[in-house]
Protein backbone atom coordinates (compact mmCIF):
# COMPACT_ATOMS: atom_id res chain seq x y z
CA MET A 1 18.73 -154.99 89.46
CA GLY A 2 16.17 -157.21 91.71
CA TYR A 3 15.15 -160.08 92.98
CA HIS A 4 13.86 -161.42 89.57
CA ALA A 5 16.97 -160.66 88.03
CA ASP A 6 19.22 -162.20 90.38
CA VAL A 7 17.53 -164.90 92.61
CA ILE A 8 15.00 -166.46 89.56
CA GLN A 9 16.45 -165.36 86.38
CA PRO A 10 19.30 -167.74 87.03
CA LEU A 11 17.57 -170.47 87.82
CA ILE A 12 15.14 -169.93 84.82
CA ASN A 13 18.13 -170.43 82.42
CA GLN A 14 19.65 -173.06 84.11
CA ARG A 15 16.26 -174.63 83.89
CA VAL A 16 16.27 -174.10 80.33
CA ARG A 17 19.95 -175.01 79.76
CA LEU A 18 19.13 -178.70 81.21
CA GLY A 19 16.00 -179.03 79.13
CA LEU A 20 13.50 -179.24 81.51
CA SER A 21 9.88 -178.24 81.77
CA GLN A 22 8.27 -176.16 84.61
CA THR A 23 6.45 -179.04 85.19
CA ALA A 24 8.91 -181.69 85.22
CA VAL A 25 10.89 -178.90 88.00
CA ASP A 26 7.84 -179.21 89.85
CA GLU A 27 7.80 -182.57 90.15
CA MET A 28 12.03 -182.82 90.95
CA VAL A 29 10.80 -180.29 93.91
CA GLY A 30 7.98 -182.19 95.15
CA VAL A 31 5.17 -179.03 94.93
CA THR A 32 1.99 -178.84 93.31
CA ARG A 33 2.09 -178.28 89.62
CA GLY A 34 2.38 -174.72 88.41
CA GLN A 35 4.42 -173.92 90.95
CA ILE A 36 7.56 -172.97 89.57
CA GLY A 37 5.79 -171.18 86.58
CA LYS A 38 4.19 -169.11 89.20
CA TRP A 39 7.69 -168.04 90.80
CA GLU A 40 9.15 -167.71 87.60
CA ASN A 41 6.57 -165.26 86.33
CA GLY A 42 7.02 -163.62 89.55
CA ASP A 43 3.79 -164.71 91.19
CA ARG A 44 4.42 -165.68 93.90
CA ARG A 45 7.72 -166.23 95.73
CA PRO A 46 9.53 -169.55 97.12
CA THR A 47 10.09 -170.09 100.80
CA ALA A 48 14.14 -169.95 101.39
CA PHE A 49 13.36 -173.78 101.46
CA LEU A 50 11.59 -174.02 98.37
CA LEU A 51 14.08 -171.93 96.89
CA SER A 52 17.08 -174.27 98.00
CA CYS A 53 15.24 -177.13 96.89
CA TRP A 54 14.61 -175.70 93.62
CA ALA A 55 18.31 -174.45 93.00
CA ASP A 56 19.27 -178.10 94.19
CA VAL A 57 17.52 -179.96 91.29
CA LEU A 58 18.64 -177.54 88.63
CA ASN A 59 22.39 -178.25 90.16
CA CYS A 60 22.57 -174.78 91.33
CA ARG A 61 23.40 -173.58 95.09
CA VAL A 62 21.61 -170.18 96.95
CA LEU A 63 23.76 -168.33 99.43
CA ILE A 64 22.60 -166.11 101.72
CA VAL A 65 24.69 -163.03 103.06
CA VAL A 66 23.55 -161.08 105.61
CA GLU A 67 25.55 -157.93 105.42
CA ASP A 68 24.54 -156.00 108.12
CA HIS A 69 26.34 -156.17 110.66
CA LYS A 70 23.33 -154.74 113.09
CA CYS A 71 22.10 -157.57 112.58
CA ILE A 72 24.87 -159.41 114.83
CA ASN A 73 23.85 -160.37 118.49
CA THR A 74 26.21 -158.79 120.12
CA LYS A 75 24.93 -160.41 123.85
CA TYR A 76 26.44 -163.34 122.05
CA PRO A 77 30.39 -162.72 120.83
CA ARG A 78 31.45 -164.60 118.03
CA SER A 79 33.45 -166.57 119.33
CA ARG A 80 31.15 -168.60 121.68
CA VAL A 81 28.51 -169.16 118.88
CA GLY A 82 31.64 -171.24 116.83
CA LEU A 83 31.99 -168.06 114.09
CA PRO A 84 34.60 -166.97 112.88
CA GLN A 85 36.46 -164.42 114.57
């Protein structure tokens, strides 16, 4: 799959299910007119924050999972930063 199929298409499907236009969602998210269309068409990609806002107005949520354990900062053990063991 890919970014569009995994992230964007479910949001498009939800917008359509809710009967909302792209323009209506532009207003709900608080972005300039036509921005949702650019995201949906793949012309632009939203920031993580705007992606979260977009999902929120559609009663969805975005989960970001980091699976590469090399990204964990070993200088600070998980217990010291409040993460589960």
